[in-house]
Amino acid sequence: MISQPAKVDEKEESQTRSLIEQFANYAESGPTFDPQGRYLCGACSFRQGDASCGIVSGRISFRTGGCRLWTRQTLPRDSWPHKLTQSEADYAERPEAKGFGCSPRCEYGKPARQTAGMGRGIWCEFWGLHVKAFACCAEEDGPDLKLAPNESKSEED
C-alpha cells in the first residue's frame, strides 16, 4: 500500500492517472464514468434483455454485476460476434447491489488528508494518488466480490 504524502504532487499524480486510465480502465469523467458510482450491468450500454450482455459471455446479474467494460456510450451495434469470457472482462458480482467504485466500496480508497485538484478527496492506496469518490478502476477486488461466478458460455454464445 502506498501511503499519502504530506504534500500533493499534482504533476506526478496526473502522470499516474494517465497510466491507470490505460492500464486499469480508470475513469472519473466521460462515457465510462458513472456519476452515481455504481458501475452495475443494469445501467451499462452493453445490456441485452433481462440477463445477458452483448460483449461478455454467460449469465450476468444486472443488479449486482459489473465489469471493466462498463459504459454509458451509445454503441454502434447491439452485440459483437465474439464475446469475452467473464474472466477476460473482469466481471464480478458484489452482494446486495452495492456497486463498484473508489469510495466507499473499494478496499484501496481512503479519505484523503487533503483534497487534491478537481475535488479529488479520496486517497488510493493501490495507485498512490488522489481520486474522485465515484471514480472506478479495474483493481478493486474486495473480500465481498465474487469473481467470474458464471464462467460457462451461454447457449446463445
N, C-alpha and C. Protein backbone atom coordinates (compact mmCIF):
# COMPACT_ATOMS: atom_id res chain seq x y z
N MET A 1 0.83 -1.18 0.00
CA MET A 1 0.00 0.00 0.00
C MET A 1 0.88 1.25 0.00
N ILE A 2 0.44 2.23 -0.74
CA ILE A 2 1.18 3.48 -0.85
C ILE A 2 0.57 4.51 0.10
N SER A 3 1.39 5.02 1.01
CA SER A 3 0.92 6.00 2.00
C SER A 3 0.76 7.38 1.38
N GLN A 4 -0.13 8.15 1.96
CA GLN A 4 -0.35 9.52 1.49
C GLN A 4 0.87 10.38 1.81
N PRO A 5 1.33 11.16 0.86
CA PRO A 5 2.44 12.07 1.13
C PRO A 5 1.94 13.30 1.89
N ALA A 6 2.86 14.03 2.48
CA ALA A 6 2.50 15.25 3.21
C ALA A 6 2.00 16.33 2.25
N LYS A 7 2.53 16.34 1.03
CA LYS A 7 2.16 17.37 0.05
C LYS A 7 1.71 16.71 -1.25
N VAL A 8 0.67 17.25 -1.87
CA VAL A 8 0.16 16.73 -3.14
C VAL A 8 1.11 17.13 -4.27
N ASP A 9 1.50 16.15 -5.09
CA ASP A 9 2.30 16.42 -6.28
C ASP A 9 1.38 16.23 -7.48
N GLU A 10 0.73 17.32 -7.90
CA GLU A 10 -0.27 17.26 -8.97
C GLU A 10 0.32 16.72 -10.28
N LYS A 11 1.54 17.08 -10.60
CA LYS A 11 2.16 16.63 -11.86
C LYS A 11 2.36 15.11 -11.84
N GLU A 12 2.92 14.60 -10.76
CA GLU A 12 3.14 13.15 -10.65
C GLU A 12 1.80 12.40 -10.67
N GLU A 13 0.82 12.91 -9.94
CA GLU A 13 -0.48 12.26 -9.91
C GLU A 13 -1.15 12.29 -11.29
N SER A 14 -0.99 13.36 -12.02
CA SER A 14 -1.56 13.45 -13.37
C SER A 14 -0.94 12.40 -14.29
N GLN A 15 0.36 12.20 -14.18
CA GLN A 15 1.03 11.17 -14.99
C GLN A 15 0.55 9.78 -14.61
N THR A 16 0.41 9.52 -13.32
CA THR A 16 -0.08 8.22 -12.86
C THR A 16 -1.52 8.01 -13.32
N ARG A 17 -2.33 9.05 -13.22
CA ARG A 17 -3.73 8.96 -13.64
C ARG A 17 -3.82 8.60 -15.12
N SER A 18 -2.98 9.20 -15.96
CA SER A 18 -2.96 8.87 -17.39
C SER A 18 -2.63 7.40 -17.61
N LEU A 19 -1.71 6.87 -16.84
CA LEU A 19 -1.35 5.45 -16.97
C LEU A 19 -2.49 4.54 -16.55
N ILE A 20 -3.11 4.84 -15.42
CA ILE A 20 -4.17 3.92 -14.95
C ILE A 20 -5.42 4.03 -15.80
N GLU A 21 -5.61 5.14 -16.51
CA GLU A 21 -6.71 5.21 -17.47
C GLU A 21 -6.51 4.15 -18.55
N GLN A 22 -5.27 3.93 -18.94
CA GLN A 22 -4.96 2.92 -19.96
C GLN A 22 -4.88 1.51 -19.39
N PHE A 23 -4.18 1.34 -18.28
CA PHE A 23 -3.90 0.01 -17.73
C PHE A 23 -5.05 -0.60 -16.95
N ALA A 24 -5.82 0.23 -16.28
CA ALA A 24 -6.84 -0.30 -15.36
C ALA A 24 -8.22 0.29 -15.59
N ASN A 25 -8.43 0.91 -16.76
CA ASN A 25 -9.74 1.47 -17.11
C ASN A 25 -10.25 2.49 -16.08
N TYR A 26 -9.32 3.24 -15.48
CA TYR A 26 -9.74 4.28 -14.53
C TYR A 26 -10.55 5.33 -15.26
N ALA A 27 -11.65 5.75 -14.65
CA ALA A 27 -12.49 6.80 -15.24
C ALA A 27 -13.04 7.69 -14.14
N GLU A 28 -12.95 8.98 -14.36
CA GLU A 28 -13.58 9.94 -13.46
C GLU A 28 -14.41 10.97 -14.26
N SER A 29 -14.54 10.72 -15.56
CA SER A 29 -15.41 11.52 -16.42
C SER A 29 -15.63 10.73 -17.71
N GLY A 30 -16.53 11.22 -18.55
CA GLY A 30 -16.77 10.59 -19.84
C GLY A 30 -17.72 9.41 -19.80
N PRO A 31 -17.82 8.67 -20.92
CA PRO A 31 -18.81 7.60 -21.03
C PRO A 31 -18.54 6.37 -20.16
N THR A 32 -17.33 6.22 -19.64
CA THR A 32 -17.06 5.08 -18.76
C THR A 32 -17.06 5.49 -17.29
N PHE A 33 -17.59 6.67 -17.02
CA PHE A 33 -17.74 7.17 -15.64
C PHE A 33 -19.21 7.13 -15.28
N ASP A 34 -19.54 6.54 -14.13
CA ASP A 34 -20.90 6.53 -13.63
C ASP A 34 -21.02 7.60 -12.55
N PRO A 35 -21.76 8.68 -12.79
CA PRO A 35 -21.87 9.74 -11.81
C PRO A 35 -22.45 9.29 -10.47
N GLN A 36 -23.14 8.15 -10.47
CA GLN A 36 -23.66 7.60 -9.21
C GLN A 36 -22.66 6.64 -8.58
N GLY A 37 -21.58 6.31 -9.29
CA GLY A 37 -20.53 5.46 -8.73
C GLY A 37 -20.92 4.02 -8.53
N ARG A 38 -21.82 3.48 -9.35
CA ARG A 38 -22.26 2.10 -9.13
C ARG A 38 -21.67 1.13 -10.15
N TYR A 39 -21.59 1.48 -11.41
CA TYR A 39 -20.98 0.64 -12.44
C TYR A 39 -21.60 -0.76 -12.51
N LEU A 40 -22.90 -0.83 -12.43
CA LEU A 40 -23.61 -2.11 -12.48
C LEU A 40 -24.11 -2.40 -13.89
N CYS A 41 -24.16 -3.68 -14.23
CA CYS A 41 -24.57 -4.11 -15.57
C CYS A 41 -25.93 -3.56 -15.98
N GLY A 42 -26.83 -3.37 -15.04
CA GLY A 42 -28.16 -2.88 -15.35
C GLY A 42 -28.18 -1.49 -15.97
N ALA A 43 -27.13 -0.71 -15.77
CA ALA A 43 -27.05 0.65 -16.33
C ALA A 43 -26.04 0.75 -17.47
N CYS A 44 -25.52 -0.37 -17.92
CA CYS A 44 -24.49 -0.39 -18.97
C CYS A 44 -25.12 -0.45 -20.36
N SER A 45 -24.48 0.19 -21.31
CA SER A 45 -24.98 0.19 -22.69
C SER A 45 -24.86 -1.17 -23.38
N PHE A 46 -24.07 -2.09 -22.84
CA PHE A 46 -23.95 -3.42 -23.42
C PHE A 46 -25.09 -4.35 -22.99
N ARG A 47 -25.92 -3.90 -22.08
CA ARG A 47 -27.03 -4.71 -21.56
C ARG A 47 -27.92 -5.17 -22.70
N GLN A 48 -28.34 -6.44 -22.64
CA GLN A 48 -29.30 -7.01 -23.59
C GLN A 48 -30.37 -7.76 -22.81
N GLY A 49 -31.60 -7.45 -23.07
CA GLY A 49 -32.70 -8.16 -22.41
C GLY A 49 -32.63 -8.08 -20.91
N ASP A 50 -32.96 -9.22 -20.28
CA ASP A 50 -33.02 -9.25 -18.82
C ASP A 50 -31.82 -9.89 -18.13
N ALA A 51 -30.96 -10.61 -18.86
CA ALA A 51 -29.85 -11.27 -18.19
C ALA A 51 -28.67 -11.58 -19.09
N SER A 52 -28.46 -10.78 -20.13
CA SER A 52 -27.30 -11.05 -20.96
C SER A 52 -26.62 -9.76 -21.38
N CYS A 53 -25.41 -9.92 -21.85
CA CYS A 53 -24.56 -8.81 -22.25
C CYS A 53 -24.15 -9.00 -23.71
N GLY A 54 -24.04 -7.92 -24.44
CA GLY A 54 -23.66 -8.00 -25.84
C GLY A 54 -22.20 -8.29 -26.07
N ILE A 55 -21.36 -8.21 -25.02
CA ILE A 55 -19.93 -8.40 -25.22
C ILE A 55 -19.28 -9.38 -24.23
N VAL A 56 -20.00 -9.74 -23.16
CA VAL A 56 -19.47 -10.68 -22.16
C VAL A 56 -20.34 -11.93 -22.15
N SER A 57 -19.72 -13.09 -22.22
CA SER A 57 -20.46 -14.35 -22.28
C SER A 57 -21.01 -14.76 -20.93
N GLY A 58 -21.96 -15.66 -20.98
CA GLY A 58 -22.52 -16.24 -19.77
C GLY A 58 -23.61 -15.39 -19.16
N ARG A 59 -24.14 -15.91 -18.11
CA ARG A 59 -25.22 -15.23 -17.40
C ARG A 59 -24.64 -14.14 -16.50
N ILE A 60 -25.22 -12.97 -16.54
CA ILE A 60 -24.75 -11.87 -15.70
C ILE A 60 -25.90 -11.36 -14.83
N SER A 61 -25.56 -10.62 -13.81
CA SER A 61 -26.57 -10.02 -12.94
C SER A 61 -26.61 -8.52 -13.20
N PHE A 62 -27.75 -8.02 -13.60
CA PHE A 62 -27.90 -6.58 -13.81
C PHE A 62 -27.93 -5.84 -12.47
N ARG A 63 -28.33 -6.53 -11.42
CA ARG A 63 -28.49 -5.90 -10.11
C ARG A 63 -27.19 -5.86 -9.30
N THR A 64 -26.33 -6.89 -9.45
CA THR A 64 -25.13 -6.95 -8.61
C THR A 64 -23.83 -7.07 -9.41
N GLY A 65 -23.90 -7.23 -10.72
CA GLY A 65 -22.70 -7.46 -11.53
C GLY A 65 -22.14 -6.21 -12.18
N GLY A 66 -20.85 -6.28 -12.48
CA GLY A 66 -20.17 -5.19 -13.19
C GLY A 66 -18.86 -5.71 -13.77
N CYS A 67 -18.30 -4.99 -14.77
CA CYS A 67 -17.02 -5.39 -15.35
C CYS A 67 -16.25 -4.17 -15.83
N ARG A 68 -15.04 -4.38 -16.28
CA ARG A 68 -14.19 -3.27 -16.70
C ARG A 68 -14.62 -2.65 -18.02
N LEU A 69 -15.60 -3.22 -18.71
CA LEU A 69 -16.08 -2.69 -19.99
C LEU A 69 -17.32 -1.81 -19.84
N TRP A 70 -17.74 -1.56 -18.61
CA TRP A 70 -18.95 -0.77 -18.35
C TRP A 70 -18.89 0.56 -19.10
N THR A 71 -20.00 0.93 -19.73
CA THR A 71 -20.05 2.21 -20.44
C THR A 71 -21.48 2.73 -20.53
N ARG A 72 -21.61 4.05 -20.67
CA ARG A 72 -22.88 4.72 -20.95
C ARG A 72 -22.92 5.16 -22.41
N GLN A 73 -21.85 4.90 -23.12
CA GLN A 73 -21.70 5.37 -24.50
C GLN A 73 -22.69 4.69 -25.44
N THR A 74 -23.20 5.43 -26.41
CA THR A 74 -24.06 4.85 -27.43
C THR A 74 -23.20 3.91 -28.28
N LEU A 75 -23.69 2.71 -28.49
CA LEU A 75 -22.91 1.69 -29.17
C LEU A 75 -23.30 1.56 -30.63
N PRO A 76 -22.35 1.21 -31.49
CA PRO A 76 -22.66 1.08 -32.91
C PRO A 76 -23.45 -0.18 -33.27
N ARG A 77 -23.52 -1.14 -32.36
CA ARG A 77 -24.27 -2.38 -32.61
C ARG A 77 -24.71 -2.97 -31.29
N ASP A 78 -25.64 -3.90 -31.34
CA ASP A 78 -26.16 -4.50 -30.12
C ASP A 78 -25.25 -5.55 -29.52
N SER A 79 -24.53 -6.28 -30.38
CA SER A 79 -23.64 -7.31 -29.85
C SER A 79 -22.46 -7.51 -30.79
N TRP A 80 -21.48 -8.21 -30.31
CA TRP A 80 -20.27 -8.49 -31.07
C TRP A 80 -20.21 -9.98 -31.37
N PRO A 81 -19.61 -10.38 -32.49
CA PRO A 81 -19.62 -11.79 -32.88
C PRO A 81 -18.85 -12.70 -31.92
N HIS A 82 -17.86 -12.17 -31.25
CA HIS A 82 -17.06 -12.97 -30.31
C HIS A 82 -17.07 -12.29 -28.96
N LYS A 83 -17.72 -12.91 -28.01
CA LYS A 83 -17.80 -12.32 -26.67
C LYS A 83 -16.58 -12.70 -25.84
N LEU A 84 -16.26 -11.84 -24.89
CA LEU A 84 -15.20 -12.12 -23.94
C LEU A 84 -15.74 -13.02 -22.84
N THR A 85 -14.86 -13.82 -22.24
CA THR A 85 -15.28 -14.57 -21.06
C THR A 85 -15.44 -13.59 -19.91
N GLN A 86 -16.10 -14.02 -18.88
CA GLN A 86 -16.25 -13.16 -17.71
C GLN A 86 -14.89 -12.84 -17.09
N SER A 87 -13.98 -13.78 -17.10
CA SER A 87 -12.63 -13.52 -16.57
C SER A 87 -11.91 -12.46 -17.40
N GLU A 88 -12.00 -12.55 -18.72
CA GLU A 88 -11.35 -11.57 -19.59
C GLU A 88 -11.90 -10.16 -19.37
N ALA A 89 -13.18 -10.05 -19.07
CA ALA A 89 -13.82 -8.75 -18.85
C ALA A 89 -13.71 -8.29 -17.40
N ASP A 90 -13.11 -9.10 -16.54
CA ASP A 90 -13.05 -8.82 -15.10
C ASP A 90 -14.45 -8.65 -14.52
N TYR A 91 -15.38 -9.50 -14.97
CA TYR A 91 -16.74 -9.47 -14.44
C TYR A 91 -16.73 -9.97 -13.00
N ALA A 92 -17.48 -9.30 -12.15
CA ALA A 92 -17.62 -9.71 -10.76
C ALA A 92 -19.00 -9.31 -10.28
N GLU A 93 -19.40 -9.89 -9.17
CA GLU A 93 -20.66 -9.52 -8.54
C GLU A 93 -20.38 -9.13 -7.11
N ARG A 94 -21.06 -8.09 -6.68
CA ARG A 94 -20.94 -7.63 -5.30
C ARG A 94 -22.31 -7.81 -4.66
N PRO A 95 -22.39 -8.49 -3.53
CA PRO A 95 -23.68 -8.75 -2.90
C PRO A 95 -24.43 -7.46 -2.57
N GLU A 96 -25.73 -7.59 -2.54
CA GLU A 96 -26.63 -6.52 -2.11
C GLU A 96 -26.60 -5.29 -3.01
N ALA A 97 -26.22 -5.44 -4.26
CA ALA A 97 -26.25 -4.35 -5.25
C ALA A 97 -25.52 -3.10 -4.78
N LYS A 98 -24.43 -3.29 -4.08
CA LYS A 98 -23.65 -2.15 -3.57
C LYS A 98 -22.93 -1.41 -4.69
N GLY A 99 -22.67 -2.07 -5.78
CA GLY A 99 -21.95 -1.44 -6.87
C GLY A 99 -20.45 -1.47 -6.66
N PHE A 100 -19.75 -0.72 -7.51
CA PHE A 100 -18.30 -0.68 -7.50
C PHE A 100 -17.88 0.78 -7.37
N GLY A 101 -16.62 1.10 -7.42
CA GLY A 101 -16.18 2.48 -7.35
C GLY A 101 -15.20 2.72 -6.23
N CYS A 102 -14.48 3.84 -6.34
CA CYS A 102 -13.38 4.15 -5.42
C CYS A 102 -13.82 4.31 -3.97
N SER A 103 -14.98 4.83 -3.74
CA SER A 103 -15.40 5.04 -2.36
C SER A 103 -16.92 5.02 -2.31
N PRO A 104 -17.48 4.46 -1.30
CA PRO A 104 -16.83 3.88 -0.14
C PRO A 104 -16.57 2.39 -0.25
N ARG A 105 -16.68 1.83 -1.47
CA ARG A 105 -16.65 0.38 -1.60
C ARG A 105 -15.27 -0.23 -1.81
N CYS A 106 -14.36 0.48 -2.44
CA CYS A 106 -13.06 -0.12 -2.77
C CYS A 106 -12.17 -0.20 -1.53
N GLU A 107 -11.52 -1.32 -1.38
CA GLU A 107 -10.66 -1.51 -0.22
C GLU A 107 -9.41 -0.62 -0.23
N TYR A 108 -9.09 -0.05 -1.39
CA TYR A 108 -7.91 0.81 -1.51
C TYR A 108 -8.23 2.29 -1.33
N GLY A 109 -9.48 2.68 -1.40
CA GLY A 109 -9.87 4.08 -1.30
C GLY A 109 -10.12 4.50 0.13
N LYS A 110 -9.36 5.50 0.58
CA LYS A 110 -9.49 6.03 1.95
C LYS A 110 -9.68 7.54 1.88
N PRO A 111 -10.34 8.14 2.86
CA PRO A 111 -10.45 9.60 2.84
C PRO A 111 -9.05 10.22 2.82
N ALA A 112 -8.86 11.19 1.95
CA ALA A 112 -7.57 11.86 1.84
C ALA A 112 -7.39 12.87 2.97
N ARG A 113 -6.15 13.08 3.38
CA ARG A 113 -5.86 14.10 4.39
C ARG A 113 -6.19 15.49 3.86
N GLN A 114 -5.95 15.67 2.57
CA GLN A 114 -6.26 16.94 1.91
C GLN A 114 -6.83 16.64 0.53
N THR A 115 -7.73 17.48 0.09
CA THR A 115 -8.33 17.31 -1.23
C THR A 115 -7.38 17.84 -2.29
N ALA A 116 -7.20 17.08 -3.34
CA ALA A 116 -6.35 17.50 -4.46
C ALA A 116 -7.21 18.18 -5.51
N GLY A 117 -6.59 18.61 -6.61
CA GLY A 117 -7.29 19.30 -7.68
C GLY A 117 -8.49 18.54 -8.19
N MET A 118 -9.46 19.27 -8.74
CA MET A 118 -10.68 18.71 -9.31
C MET A 118 -11.54 18.00 -8.27
N GLY A 119 -11.40 18.33 -6.99
CA GLY A 119 -12.22 17.75 -5.94
C GLY A 119 -11.91 16.30 -5.62
N ARG A 120 -10.69 15.89 -5.85
CA ARG A 120 -10.29 14.51 -5.57
C ARG A 120 -10.00 14.35 -4.07
N GLY A 121 -10.99 13.84 -3.35
CA GLY A 121 -10.88 13.74 -1.90
C GLY A 121 -10.64 12.35 -1.36
N ILE A 122 -10.36 11.39 -2.22
CA ILE A 122 -10.09 10.02 -1.80
C ILE A 122 -8.63 9.69 -2.13
N TRP A 123 -7.93 9.03 -1.20
CA TRP A 123 -6.57 8.58 -1.46
C TRP A 123 -6.62 7.11 -1.87
N CYS A 124 -6.07 6.79 -3.03
CA CYS A 124 -6.00 5.40 -3.49
C CYS A 124 -4.66 4.82 -3.04
N GLU A 125 -4.73 3.87 -2.12
CA GLU A 125 -3.51 3.24 -1.60
C GLU A 125 -2.87 2.30 -2.61
N PHE A 126 -3.63 1.84 -3.60
CA PHE A 126 -3.08 0.92 -4.59
C PHE A 126 -2.20 1.67 -5.58
N TRP A 127 -2.73 2.77 -6.16
CA TRP A 127 -2.01 3.52 -7.19
C TRP A 127 -1.19 4.68 -6.63
N GLY A 128 -1.51 5.13 -5.43
CA GLY A 128 -0.77 6.24 -4.83
C GLY A 128 -1.12 7.58 -5.42
N LEU A 129 -2.42 7.90 -5.45
CA LEU A 129 -2.86 9.20 -5.94
C LEU A 129 -4.25 9.51 -5.42
N HIS A 130 -4.61 10.79 -5.52
CA HIS A 130 -5.94 11.23 -5.13
C HIS A 130 -6.91 10.93 -6.27
N VAL A 131 -8.11 10.48 -5.92
CA VAL A 131 -9.14 10.15 -6.91
C VAL A 131 -10.48 10.74 -6.47
N LYS A 132 -11.41 10.78 -7.42
CA LYS A 132 -12.76 11.22 -7.09
C LYS A 132 -13.53 10.07 -6.47
N ALA A 133 -14.44 10.40 -5.58
CA ALA A 133 -15.18 9.38 -4.84
C ALA A 133 -15.93 8.40 -5.72
N PHE A 134 -16.53 8.83 -6.81
CA PHE A 134 -17.32 7.93 -7.63
C PHE A 134 -16.58 7.42 -8.86
N ALA A 135 -15.28 7.66 -8.91
CA ALA A 135 -14.47 7.11 -9.99
C ALA A 135 -14.32 5.60 -9.78
N CYS A 136 -13.71 4.94 -10.75
CA CYS A 136 -13.54 3.50 -10.61
C CYS A 136 -12.40 3.02 -11.51
N CYS A 137 -11.75 1.93 -11.10
CA CYS A 137 -10.77 1.27 -11.95
C CYS A 137 -10.94 -0.24 -11.79
N ALA A 138 -10.19 -0.99 -12.55
CA ALA A 138 -10.35 -2.45 -12.56
C ALA A 138 -9.57 -3.17 -11.47
N GLU A 139 -8.98 -2.46 -10.53
CA GLU A 139 -8.20 -3.12 -9.48
C GLU A 139 -9.00 -3.47 -8.25
N GLU A 140 -10.18 -2.93 -8.13
CA GLU A 140 -10.99 -3.21 -6.95
C GLU A 140 -11.31 -4.69 -6.86
N ASP A 141 -10.99 -5.30 -5.74
CA ASP A 141 -11.26 -6.73 -5.57
C ASP A 141 -11.48 -7.08 -4.11
N GLY A 142 -12.33 -6.32 -3.47
CA GLY A 142 -12.59 -6.54 -2.05
C GLY A 142 -13.04 -7.94 -1.71
N PRO A 143 -13.01 -8.28 -0.45
CA PRO A 143 -13.33 -9.64 0.00
C PRO A 143 -14.77 -10.05 -0.26
N ASP A 144 -15.66 -9.08 -0.54
CA ASP A 144 -17.06 -9.43 -0.78
C ASP A 144 -17.37 -9.66 -2.26
N LEU A 145 -16.37 -9.58 -3.14
CA LEU A 145 -16.61 -9.80 -4.56
C LEU A 145 -16.58 -11.28 -4.91
N LYS A 146 -17.48 -11.66 -5.81
CA LYS A 146 -17.43 -12.98 -6.42
C LYS A 146 -16.93 -12.76 -7.83
N LEU A 147 -15.74 -13.26 -8.14
CA LEU A 147 -15.16 -13.05 -9.46
C LEU A 147 -15.62 -14.12 -10.42
N ALA A 148 -16.03 -13.70 -11.61
CA ALA A 148 -16.46 -14.59 -12.70
C ALA A 148 -17.24 -15.79 -12.19
N PRO A 149 -18.37 -15.56 -11.53
CA PRO A 149 -19.12 -16.68 -10.94
C PRO A 149 -19.82 -17.56 -11.96
N ASN A 150 -20.04 -17.07 -13.16
CA ASN A 150 -20.83 -17.78 -14.16
C ASN A 150 -20.02 -17.98 -15.43
N GLU A 151 -18.86 -18.55 -15.34
CA GLU A 151 -17.91 -18.60 -16.46
C GLU A 151 -18.38 -19.41 -17.65
N SER A 152 -19.27 -20.34 -17.46
CA SER A 152 -19.67 -21.17 -18.59
C SER A 152 -20.38 -20.33 -19.65
N LYS A 153 -20.17 -20.69 -20.89
CA LYS A 153 -20.78 -19.97 -22.00
C LYS A 153 -22.29 -20.26 -22.03
N SER A 154 -23.05 -19.24 -22.42
CA SER A 154 -24.49 -19.45 -22.54
C SER A 154 -24.76 -20.12 -23.88
N GLU A 155 -25.97 -20.63 -24.06
CA GLU A 155 -26.33 -21.32 -25.30
C GLU A 155 -26.24 -20.42 -26.53
N GLU A 156 -26.49 -19.13 -26.35
CA GLU A 156 -26.51 -18.22 -27.50
C GLU A 156 -25.12 -17.78 -27.93
N ASP A 157 -24.07 -18.06 -27.15
CA ASP A 157 -22.71 -17.60 -27.48
C ASP A 157 -22.04 -18.48 -28.48
